N, C-alpha and C. Protein backbone atom coordinates (compact mmCIF):
# COMPACT_ATOMS: atom_id res chain seq x y z
N UNK A 1 0.86 -1.18 0.00
CA UNK A 1 0.00 0.00 0.00
C UNK A 1 0.90 1.24 0.00
N UNK A 2 0.59 2.19 -0.85
CA UNK A 2 1.38 3.42 -0.99
C UNK A 2 1.12 4.36 0.18
N UNK A 3 2.18 5.08 0.56
CA UNK A 3 2.00 6.08 1.61
C UNK A 3 1.27 7.29 1.04
N UNK A 4 0.80 8.12 1.89
CA UNK A 4 0.08 9.30 1.43
C UNK A 4 1.00 10.20 0.59
N UNK A 5 2.28 10.27 0.98
CA UNK A 5 3.22 11.08 0.22
C UNK A 5 3.40 10.52 -1.19
N UNK A 6 3.47 9.21 -1.30
CA UNK A 6 3.61 8.58 -2.62
C UNK A 6 2.36 8.83 -3.47
N UNK A 7 1.21 8.76 -2.84
CA UNK A 7 -0.03 9.01 -3.57
C UNK A 7 -0.09 10.45 -4.07
N UNK A 8 0.29 11.38 -3.22
CA UNK A 8 0.27 12.80 -3.60
C UNK A 8 1.26 13.04 -4.73
N UNK A 9 2.45 12.44 -4.62
CA UNK A 9 3.47 12.62 -5.67
C UNK A 9 3.02 12.04 -7.01
N UNK A 10 2.09 11.09 -6.99
CA UNK A 10 1.58 10.50 -8.21
C UNK A 10 0.51 11.34 -8.89
N UNK A 11 0.10 12.42 -8.24
CA UNK A 11 -0.93 13.30 -8.82
C UNK A 11 -0.28 14.36 -9.71
N UNK A 12 -1.05 14.88 -10.65
CA UNK A 12 -0.57 16.00 -11.46
C UNK A 12 -0.35 17.23 -10.55
N UNK A 13 0.54 18.14 -10.96
CA UNK A 13 0.87 19.30 -10.12
C UNK A 13 -0.34 20.12 -9.65
N UNK A 14 -1.34 20.31 -10.52
CA UNK A 14 -2.50 21.11 -10.11
C UNK A 14 -3.30 20.43 -9.01
N UNK A 15 -3.35 19.08 -9.04
CA UNK A 15 -4.05 18.36 -7.97
C UNK A 15 -3.21 18.32 -6.70
N UNK A 16 -1.88 18.29 -6.85
CA UNK A 16 -1.02 18.37 -5.67
C UNK A 16 -1.27 19.70 -4.94
N UNK A 17 -1.47 20.76 -5.73
CA UNK A 17 -1.76 22.06 -5.13
C UNK A 17 -3.10 22.04 -4.41
N UNK A 18 -4.09 21.35 -4.97
CA UNK A 18 -5.39 21.22 -4.31
C UNK A 18 -5.25 20.49 -2.98
N UNK A 19 -4.43 19.44 -2.97
CA UNK A 19 -4.19 18.69 -1.73
C UNK A 19 -3.55 19.62 -0.71
N UNK A 20 -2.56 20.39 -1.13
CA UNK A 20 -1.89 21.33 -0.23
C UNK A 20 -2.88 22.34 0.33
N UNK A 21 -3.73 22.88 -0.53
CA UNK A 21 -4.74 23.86 -0.09
C UNK A 21 -5.70 23.23 0.92
N UNK A 22 -6.09 21.98 0.65
CA UNK A 22 -7.02 21.30 1.55
C UNK A 22 -6.37 21.03 2.91
N UNK A 23 -5.12 20.62 2.90
CA UNK A 23 -4.40 20.37 4.15
C UNK A 23 -4.28 21.69 4.94
N UNK A 24 -3.95 22.78 4.26
CA UNK A 24 -3.88 24.08 4.92
C UNK A 24 -5.23 24.45 5.53
N UNK A 25 -6.31 24.21 4.80
CA UNK A 25 -7.66 24.48 5.29
C UNK A 25 -7.94 23.68 6.57
N UNK A 26 -7.63 22.39 6.54
CA UNK A 26 -7.87 21.54 7.71
C UNK A 26 -7.04 21.99 8.91
N UNK A 27 -5.80 22.36 8.66
CA UNK A 27 -4.95 22.80 9.76
C UNK A 27 -5.49 24.09 10.39
N UNK A 28 -5.99 24.99 9.56
CA UNK A 28 -6.56 26.23 10.08
C UNK A 28 -7.86 25.95 10.84
N UNK A 29 -8.67 25.07 10.29
CA UNK A 29 -9.97 24.76 10.89
C UNK A 29 -9.83 24.11 12.26
N UNK A 30 -8.85 23.25 12.43
CA UNK A 30 -8.74 22.47 13.65
C UNK A 30 -7.60 22.89 14.57
N UNK A 31 -6.95 24.03 14.27
CA UNK A 31 -5.86 24.46 15.15
C UNK A 31 -6.46 24.98 16.45
N UNK A 32 -5.76 24.76 17.55
CA UNK A 32 -6.26 25.27 18.83
C UNK A 32 -6.33 26.79 18.81
N UNK A 33 -7.38 27.32 19.31
CA UNK A 33 -7.56 28.77 19.32
C UNK A 33 -7.30 29.29 20.74
N UNK A 34 -6.70 30.46 20.79
CA UNK A 34 -6.52 31.10 22.08
C UNK A 34 -7.85 31.70 22.50
N UNK A 35 -8.20 31.46 23.73
CA UNK A 35 -9.44 32.04 24.25
C UNK A 35 -9.17 33.46 24.72
N UNK A 36 -10.09 34.30 24.41
CA UNK A 36 -9.98 35.68 24.86
C UNK A 36 -10.22 35.73 26.36
N UNK A 37 -9.44 36.53 27.03
CA UNK A 37 -9.62 36.66 28.47
C UNK A 37 -10.89 37.45 28.75
N UNK A 38 -11.60 37.01 29.74
CA UNK A 38 -12.84 37.68 30.14
C UNK A 38 -12.50 39.02 30.78
N UNK A 39 -13.07 40.05 30.25
CA UNK A 39 -12.86 41.38 30.81
C UNK A 39 -13.87 41.62 31.92
N UNK A 40 -13.39 42.08 33.04
CA UNK A 40 -14.28 42.35 34.17
C UNK A 40 -14.27 43.83 34.53
N UNK A 41 -14.07 44.68 33.53
CA UNK A 41 -14.01 46.11 33.80
C UNK A 41 -15.37 46.68 34.22
N UNK A 42 -16.43 45.91 34.03
CA UNK A 42 -17.76 46.35 34.41
C UNK A 42 -18.09 45.94 35.85
N UNK A 43 -17.23 45.12 36.48
CA UNK A 43 -17.49 44.61 37.83
C UNK A 43 -17.70 45.77 38.79
N UNK A 44 -18.75 45.68 39.56
CA UNK A 44 -19.05 46.71 40.55
C UNK A 44 -19.81 47.90 40.00
N UNK A 45 -20.16 47.86 38.72
CA UNK A 45 -20.82 49.01 38.10
C UNK A 45 -22.20 49.29 38.69
N UNK A 46 -22.82 48.30 39.27
CA UNK A 46 -24.16 48.49 39.84
C UNK A 46 -24.14 48.48 41.37
N UNK A 47 -22.97 48.67 41.95
CA UNK A 47 -22.85 48.58 43.40
C UNK A 47 -23.71 49.62 44.12
N UNK A 48 -23.97 50.75 43.46
CA UNK A 48 -24.81 51.77 44.08
C UNK A 48 -26.28 51.34 44.16
N UNK A 49 -26.64 50.27 43.49
CA UNK A 49 -28.02 49.78 43.50
C UNK A 49 -28.21 48.58 44.43
N UNK A 50 -27.17 48.20 45.15
CA UNK A 50 -27.26 46.97 45.95
C UNK A 50 -28.31 47.03 47.04
N UNK A 51 -28.63 48.23 47.52
CA UNK A 51 -29.67 48.33 48.54
C UNK A 51 -31.06 48.40 47.93
N UNK A 52 -31.12 48.66 46.63
CA UNK A 52 -32.41 48.82 45.94
C UNK A 52 -32.90 47.53 45.30
N UNK A 53 -31.95 46.72 44.76
CA UNK A 53 -32.31 45.49 44.05
C UNK A 53 -31.42 44.33 44.51
N UNK A 54 -31.99 43.13 44.46
CA UNK A 54 -31.17 41.93 44.67
C UNK A 54 -30.60 41.52 43.32
N UNK A 55 -29.59 40.66 43.33
CA UNK A 55 -28.99 40.20 42.08
C UNK A 55 -30.02 39.45 41.23
N UNK A 56 -30.91 38.73 41.87
CA UNK A 56 -31.94 37.99 41.14
C UNK A 56 -32.91 38.95 40.47
N UNK A 57 -33.27 40.03 41.17
CA UNK A 57 -34.17 41.02 40.56
C UNK A 57 -33.51 41.66 39.34
N UNK A 58 -32.22 41.95 39.44
CA UNK A 58 -31.51 42.52 38.29
C UNK A 58 -31.47 41.53 37.13
N UNK A 59 -31.25 40.26 37.42
CA UNK A 59 -31.26 39.24 36.37
C UNK A 59 -32.60 39.21 35.65
N UNK A 60 -33.68 39.31 36.41
CA UNK A 60 -35.01 39.29 35.81
C UNK A 60 -35.25 40.53 34.96
N UNK A 61 -34.80 41.68 35.44
CA UNK A 61 -34.96 42.91 34.67
C UNK A 61 -34.19 42.83 33.35
N UNK A 62 -32.98 42.31 33.40
CA UNK A 62 -32.19 42.16 32.18
C UNK A 62 -32.88 41.20 31.22
N UNK A 63 -33.38 40.08 31.73
CA UNK A 63 -34.08 39.12 30.88
C UNK A 63 -35.29 39.78 30.23
N UNK A 64 -36.03 40.54 30.99
CA UNK A 64 -37.21 41.22 30.45
C UNK A 64 -36.82 42.22 29.36
N UNK A 65 -35.69 42.93 29.57
CA UNK A 65 -35.22 43.88 28.56
C UNK A 65 -34.84 43.15 27.28
N UNK A 66 -34.14 42.01 27.41
CA UNK A 66 -33.76 41.23 26.24
C UNK A 66 -34.98 40.72 25.50
N UNK A 67 -35.98 40.23 26.27
CA UNK A 67 -37.19 39.69 25.64
C UNK A 67 -37.95 40.79 24.91
N UNK A 68 -37.97 42.00 25.48
CA UNK A 68 -38.63 43.11 24.81
C UNK A 68 -37.96 43.45 23.49
N UNK A 69 -36.61 43.37 23.46
CA UNK A 69 -35.87 43.63 22.23
C UNK A 69 -36.14 42.54 21.18
N UNK A 70 -36.31 41.32 21.64
CA UNK A 70 -36.54 40.21 20.72
C UNK A 70 -37.90 40.33 20.04
N UNK A 71 -38.87 40.87 20.72
CA UNK A 71 -40.22 40.96 20.16
C UNK A 71 -40.44 42.24 19.38
N UNK A 72 -39.48 43.16 19.45
CA UNK A 72 -39.64 44.45 18.74
C UNK A 72 -39.34 44.29 17.27
C-alpha cells in the first residue's frame, strides 16, 4: 500500500496544489484557538443599586429587557 506522500506525488501538479490547499484548510480549521480573556471592567458598576435590588431582581430585569428587544 502506498504512503500518502507517494499518492500525492503520483498526482498532477495542479491536484497536488489542491491537496496542499485542503491540508492548509484543515490545519486552520482544527488548530487550537486562544481564548480571549474575560474582561471584568464592568465589575461593581451596579454597586450603588445593591440596597435597591437583589442580584436575582436585576437578572429578571435584564431578561425582560432582552425579551422586549426580541419581540420588537
